[in-house]
Amino acid sequence: MQTDIDPRTLIGRKAFDREGAKIGTVDEVYLDDATGEPEWAAVRTGLFSRDVFVPLEPSEVVDDTLRVPYDRALIKDAPDFGVGRHLSPEQELQLYHHYGLDVTG
């Protein structure tokens, strides 16, 4: 993700999948415990107002929107941990595996 962006400015932005389909609106941003860098965004979907977690790396902010380089179906199937709570290392690991991301990265 672009590291020069304040994570607070992501809240309220529309999020889109790699095909340009709207996923929802960024509800919260979660920071990495070790680095303090933005790592995950919780996106509120229109479907039953559920929040889904999306990785901020390799997502991009483009034209005032968050572009997530994954298919909408994969995003909608992400593990549901609820929002407003700290993500445990085990929950983060599940998200990394869900998105096929390198756990060490």
N, C-alpha and C. Protein backbone atom coordinates (compact mmCIF):
# COMPACT_ATOMS: atom_id res chain seq x y z
N MET A 1 0.84 -1.18 0.00
CA MET A 1 0.00 0.00 0.00
C MET A 1 0.88 1.24 0.00
N GLN A 2 0.36 2.34 -0.45
CA GLN A 2 1.09 3.59 -0.43
C GLN A 2 1.32 3.99 1.02
N THR A 3 2.55 4.03 1.45
CA THR A 3 2.85 4.26 2.86
C THR A 3 2.71 5.72 3.26
N ASP A 4 2.56 6.63 2.28
CA ASP A 4 2.42 8.05 2.61
C ASP A 4 0.98 8.44 2.92
N ILE A 5 0.06 7.48 2.92
CA ILE A 5 -1.34 7.77 3.17
C ILE A 5 -1.66 7.53 4.64
N ASP A 6 -2.30 8.50 5.25
CA ASP A 6 -2.73 8.38 6.64
C ASP A 6 -3.88 7.37 6.68
N PRO A 7 -3.77 6.31 7.50
CA PRO A 7 -4.82 5.30 7.52
C PRO A 7 -6.19 5.85 7.89
N ARG A 8 -6.23 6.93 8.64
CA ARG A 8 -7.52 7.51 9.02
C ARG A 8 -8.25 8.06 7.80
N THR A 9 -7.51 8.42 6.75
CA THR A 9 -8.16 8.95 5.55
C THR A 9 -8.80 7.85 4.71
N LEU A 10 -8.50 6.60 5.02
CA LEU A 10 -9.11 5.49 4.28
C LEU A 10 -10.56 5.26 4.72
N ILE A 11 -10.86 5.58 5.98
CA ILE A 11 -12.20 5.34 6.51
C ILE A 11 -13.22 6.17 5.74
N GLY A 12 -14.25 5.50 5.27
CA GLY A 12 -15.29 6.15 4.49
C GLY A 12 -15.09 6.07 2.99
N ARG A 13 -13.91 5.62 2.56
CA ARG A 13 -13.68 5.48 1.12
C ARG A 13 -14.39 4.24 0.60
N LYS A 14 -14.84 4.30 -0.65
CA LYS A 14 -15.44 3.15 -1.32
C LYS A 14 -14.32 2.18 -1.68
N ALA A 15 -14.62 0.88 -1.59
CA ALA A 15 -13.66 -0.15 -1.94
C ALA A 15 -14.20 -0.97 -3.11
N PHE A 16 -13.30 -1.30 -4.05
CA PHE A 16 -13.66 -2.03 -5.26
C PHE A 16 -12.73 -3.22 -5.44
N ASP A 17 -13.25 -4.29 -6.06
CA ASP A 17 -12.41 -5.46 -6.32
C ASP A 17 -11.58 -5.23 -7.58
N ARG A 18 -10.85 -6.26 -8.00
CA ARG A 18 -9.93 -6.08 -9.13
C ARG A 18 -10.64 -5.89 -10.46
N GLU A 19 -11.92 -6.26 -10.53
CA GLU A 19 -12.70 -6.07 -11.75
C GLU A 19 -13.45 -4.73 -11.75
N GLY A 20 -13.33 -3.99 -10.65
CA GLY A 20 -14.01 -2.70 -10.55
C GLY A 20 -15.39 -2.78 -9.93
N ALA A 21 -15.77 -3.96 -9.40
CA ALA A 21 -17.07 -4.11 -8.73
C ALA A 21 -16.96 -3.57 -7.31
N LYS A 22 -17.98 -2.82 -6.89
CA LYS A 22 -17.96 -2.24 -5.55
C LYS A 22 -18.10 -3.35 -4.50
N ILE A 23 -17.22 -3.29 -3.49
CA ILE A 23 -17.28 -4.22 -2.36
C ILE A 23 -18.07 -3.57 -1.24
N GLY A 24 -17.77 -2.32 -0.95
CA GLY A 24 -18.42 -1.61 0.13
C GLY A 24 -17.63 -0.37 0.51
N THR A 25 -17.71 0.00 1.79
CA THR A 25 -17.07 1.20 2.31
C THR A 25 -16.13 0.83 3.45
N VAL A 26 -14.92 1.42 3.45
CA VAL A 26 -13.96 1.14 4.51
C VAL A 26 -14.52 1.65 5.83
N ASP A 27 -14.60 0.74 6.80
CA ASP A 27 -15.19 1.01 8.10
C ASP A 27 -14.12 1.24 9.16
N GLU A 28 -13.06 0.43 9.11
CA GLU A 28 -11.96 0.54 10.08
C GLU A 28 -10.66 0.14 9.40
N VAL A 29 -9.54 0.61 9.99
CA VAL A 29 -8.21 0.23 9.53
C VAL A 29 -7.48 -0.38 10.72
N TYR A 30 -6.85 -1.52 10.48
CA TYR A 30 -6.11 -2.23 11.53
C TYR A 30 -4.62 -2.11 11.26
N LEU A 31 -3.87 -1.76 12.30
CA LEU A 31 -2.43 -1.58 12.19
C LEU A 31 -1.70 -2.84 12.64
N ASP A 32 -0.53 -3.06 12.06
CA ASP A 32 0.32 -4.16 12.46
C ASP A 32 0.85 -3.90 13.87
N ASP A 33 0.77 -4.89 14.74
CA ASP A 33 1.23 -4.73 16.13
C ASP A 33 2.71 -4.38 16.21
N ALA A 34 3.52 -4.98 15.35
CA ALA A 34 4.97 -4.80 15.44
C ALA A 34 5.44 -3.49 14.81
N THR A 35 4.85 -3.14 13.65
CA THR A 35 5.36 -1.98 12.91
C THR A 35 4.50 -0.73 13.04
N GLY A 36 3.23 -0.90 13.41
CA GLY A 36 2.32 0.24 13.46
C GLY A 36 1.83 0.67 12.09
N GLU A 37 2.21 -0.08 11.05
CA GLU A 37 1.79 0.25 9.68
C GLU A 37 0.38 -0.29 9.42
N PRO A 38 -0.41 0.39 8.59
CA PRO A 38 -1.73 -0.11 8.23
C PRO A 38 -1.60 -1.47 7.54
N GLU A 39 -2.37 -2.46 8.00
CA GLU A 39 -2.24 -3.80 7.44
C GLU A 39 -3.55 -4.34 6.86
N TRP A 40 -4.66 -4.10 7.54
CA TRP A 40 -5.95 -4.62 7.11
C TRP A 40 -6.99 -3.50 7.14
N ALA A 41 -7.96 -3.60 6.25
CA ALA A 41 -9.12 -2.71 6.28
C ALA A 41 -10.36 -3.56 6.45
N ALA A 42 -11.26 -3.12 7.30
CA ALA A 42 -12.57 -3.75 7.42
C ALA A 42 -13.50 -2.97 6.51
N VAL A 43 -14.09 -3.67 5.55
CA VAL A 43 -14.96 -3.03 4.57
C VAL A 43 -16.39 -3.48 4.83
N ARG A 44 -17.28 -2.50 5.06
CA ARG A 44 -18.69 -2.80 5.30
C ARG A 44 -19.36 -3.03 3.96
N THR A 45 -19.88 -4.23 3.78
CA THR A 45 -20.55 -4.58 2.53
C THR A 45 -22.03 -4.26 2.65
N GLY A 46 -22.68 -4.19 1.54
CA GLY A 46 -24.13 -3.97 1.56
C GLY A 46 -24.89 -5.23 1.94
N LEU A 47 -24.24 -6.38 1.75
CA LEU A 47 -24.89 -7.66 2.01
C LEU A 47 -24.98 -7.90 3.51
N PHE A 48 -26.14 -7.69 4.08
CA PHE A 48 -26.38 -7.88 5.51
C PHE A 48 -25.47 -7.01 6.37
N SER A 49 -24.93 -5.93 5.81
CA SER A 49 -24.04 -5.00 6.52
C SER A 49 -22.94 -5.74 7.28
N ARG A 50 -22.32 -6.68 6.61
CA ARG A 50 -21.23 -7.46 7.19
C ARG A 50 -19.91 -6.76 6.85
N ASP A 51 -18.95 -6.81 7.77
CA ASP A 51 -17.62 -6.30 7.49
C ASP A 51 -16.72 -7.45 7.05
N VAL A 52 -15.95 -7.23 6.00
CA VAL A 52 -14.96 -8.19 5.54
C VAL A 52 -13.59 -7.55 5.64
N PHE A 53 -12.60 -8.35 5.98
CA PHE A 53 -11.23 -7.85 6.07
C PHE A 53 -10.54 -8.02 4.73
N VAL A 54 -9.85 -6.95 4.30
CA VAL A 54 -9.06 -7.01 3.08
C VAL A 54 -7.64 -6.53 3.41
N PRO A 55 -6.65 -7.13 2.75
CA PRO A 55 -5.27 -6.71 3.01
C PRO A 55 -4.98 -5.37 2.34
N LEU A 56 -4.29 -4.50 3.05
CA LEU A 56 -3.93 -3.21 2.46
C LEU A 56 -2.69 -3.32 1.57
N GLU A 57 -1.93 -4.36 1.74
CA GLU A 57 -0.82 -4.65 0.83
C GLU A 57 -1.22 -5.90 0.09
N PRO A 58 -1.47 -5.93 -1.16
CA PRO A 58 -1.07 -5.00 -2.22
C PRO A 58 -2.18 -4.08 -2.73
N SER A 59 -3.15 -3.72 -1.93
CA SER A 59 -4.21 -2.81 -2.37
C SER A 59 -3.64 -1.42 -2.63
N GLU A 60 -4.39 -0.62 -3.37
CA GLU A 60 -3.94 0.73 -3.71
C GLU A 60 -5.09 1.72 -3.55
N VAL A 61 -4.72 2.96 -3.27
CA VAL A 61 -5.69 4.05 -3.30
C VAL A 61 -5.59 4.68 -4.67
N VAL A 62 -6.71 4.63 -5.42
CA VAL A 62 -6.76 5.14 -6.78
C VAL A 62 -8.00 6.02 -6.90
N ASP A 63 -7.80 7.26 -7.32
CA ASP A 63 -8.93 8.19 -7.51
C ASP A 63 -9.86 8.21 -6.30
N ASP A 64 -9.28 8.31 -5.10
CA ASP A 64 -10.03 8.44 -3.85
C ASP A 64 -10.83 7.18 -3.49
N THR A 65 -10.44 6.02 -4.06
CA THR A 65 -11.08 4.76 -3.71
C THR A 65 -10.00 3.74 -3.36
N LEU A 66 -10.38 2.71 -2.63
CA LEU A 66 -9.47 1.62 -2.31
C LEU A 66 -9.69 0.51 -3.32
N ARG A 67 -8.64 0.16 -4.06
CA ARG A 67 -8.71 -0.90 -5.07
C ARG A 67 -8.04 -2.14 -4.49
N VAL A 68 -8.82 -3.20 -4.33
CA VAL A 68 -8.35 -4.45 -3.73
C VAL A 68 -8.15 -5.46 -4.87
N PRO A 69 -6.92 -5.97 -5.06
CA PRO A 69 -6.64 -6.81 -6.23
C PRO A 69 -7.07 -8.27 -6.10
N TYR A 70 -8.29 -8.48 -5.63
CA TYR A 70 -8.83 -9.84 -5.49
C TYR A 70 -10.25 -9.84 -6.03
N ASP A 71 -10.75 -11.03 -6.38
CA ASP A 71 -12.12 -11.17 -6.85
C ASP A 71 -13.09 -10.93 -5.71
N ARG A 72 -14.22 -10.36 -6.05
CA ARG A 72 -15.26 -10.06 -5.06
C ARG A 72 -15.69 -11.31 -4.29
N ALA A 73 -15.79 -12.44 -4.98
CA ALA A 73 -16.22 -13.69 -4.33
C ALA A 73 -15.23 -14.10 -3.24
N LEU A 74 -13.93 -13.99 -3.52
CA LEU A 74 -12.92 -14.33 -2.51
C LEU A 74 -13.01 -13.38 -1.32
N ILE A 75 -13.20 -12.11 -1.60
CA ILE A 75 -13.30 -11.11 -0.53
C ILE A 75 -14.53 -11.40 0.35
N LYS A 76 -15.66 -11.67 -0.29
CA LYS A 76 -16.90 -11.94 0.46
C LYS A 76 -16.79 -13.20 1.32
N ASP A 77 -15.91 -14.14 0.92
CA ASP A 77 -15.74 -15.40 1.67
C ASP A 77 -14.66 -15.31 2.74
N ALA A 78 -14.11 -14.13 2.96
CA ALA A 78 -13.06 -13.98 3.99
C ALA A 78 -13.60 -14.33 5.37
N PRO A 79 -12.75 -14.86 6.25
CA PRO A 79 -13.21 -15.18 7.61
C PRO A 79 -13.82 -13.95 8.28
N ASP A 80 -14.88 -14.16 9.04
CA ASP A 80 -15.60 -13.08 9.70
C ASP A 80 -15.22 -13.06 11.18
N PHE A 81 -14.49 -12.03 11.58
CA PHE A 81 -14.05 -11.91 12.97
C PHE A 81 -14.77 -10.79 13.70
N GLY A 82 -15.68 -10.10 13.03
CA GLY A 82 -16.31 -8.93 13.63
C GLY A 82 -15.32 -7.78 13.64
N VAL A 83 -15.81 -6.60 13.91
CA VAL A 83 -14.92 -5.43 13.94
C VAL A 83 -14.94 -4.81 15.32
N GLY A 84 -14.02 -3.89 15.53
CA GLY A 84 -13.96 -3.19 16.80
C GLY A 84 -13.11 -3.90 17.84
N ARG A 85 -12.54 -5.02 17.44
CA ARG A 85 -11.66 -5.77 18.35
C ARG A 85 -10.32 -5.96 17.69
N HIS A 86 -9.35 -6.25 18.50
CA HIS A 86 -8.00 -6.52 18.03
C HIS A 86 -7.99 -7.86 17.30
N LEU A 87 -7.28 -7.93 16.18
CA LEU A 87 -7.11 -9.20 15.49
C LEU A 87 -6.00 -9.99 16.18
N SER A 88 -6.28 -11.22 16.54
CA SER A 88 -5.26 -12.07 17.16
C SER A 88 -4.29 -12.54 16.09
N PRO A 89 -3.09 -12.98 16.48
CA PRO A 89 -2.15 -13.52 15.49
C PRO A 89 -2.77 -14.70 14.72
N GLU A 90 -3.58 -15.51 15.37
CA GLU A 90 -4.22 -16.65 14.70
C GLU A 90 -5.22 -16.16 13.64
N GLN A 91 -5.97 -15.12 13.97
CA GLN A 91 -6.93 -14.57 13.01
C GLN A 91 -6.20 -13.97 11.81
N GLU A 92 -5.11 -13.25 12.08
CA GLU A 92 -4.33 -12.68 10.98
C GLU A 92 -3.79 -13.78 10.08
N LEU A 93 -3.32 -14.87 10.68
CA LEU A 93 -2.79 -16.00 9.92
C LEU A 93 -3.88 -16.58 9.01
N GLN A 94 -5.09 -16.69 9.53
CA GLN A 94 -6.20 -17.18 8.71
C GLN A 94 -6.46 -16.25 7.53
N LEU A 95 -6.38 -14.95 7.76
CA LEU A 95 -6.57 -13.99 6.67
C LEU A 95 -5.45 -14.09 5.64
N TYR A 96 -4.21 -14.19 6.10
CA TYR A 96 -3.08 -14.35 5.17
C TYR A 96 -3.29 -15.58 4.29
N HIS A 97 -3.68 -16.69 4.89
CA HIS A 97 -3.90 -17.92 4.13
C HIS A 97 -5.08 -17.77 3.17
N HIS A 98 -6.14 -17.12 3.62
CA HIS A 98 -7.33 -16.93 2.78
C HIS A 98 -6.97 -16.19 1.49
N TYR A 99 -6.15 -15.16 1.62
CA TYR A 99 -5.77 -14.36 0.46
C TYR A 99 -4.52 -14.87 -0.25
N GLY A 100 -3.94 -15.98 0.24
CA GLY A 100 -2.75 -16.54 -0.42
C GLY A 100 -1.53 -15.66 -0.28
N LEU A 101 -1.44 -14.92 0.83
CA LEU A 101 -0.32 -14.00 1.05
C LEU A 101 0.81 -14.69 1.80
N ASP A 102 2.01 -14.21 1.60
CA ASP A 102 3.18 -14.71 2.31
C ASP A 102 3.11 -14.24 3.75
N VAL A 103 3.09 -15.17 4.67
CA VAL A 103 2.95 -14.87 6.09
C VAL A 103 4.15 -14.07 6.62
N THR A 104 5.32 -14.28 6.04
CA THR A 104 6.51 -13.58 6.53
C THR A 104 6.58 -12.16 6.00
N GLY A 105 5.79 -11.82 4.97
CA GLY A 105 5.89 -10.54 4.30
C GLY A 105 5.25 -9.46 5.06
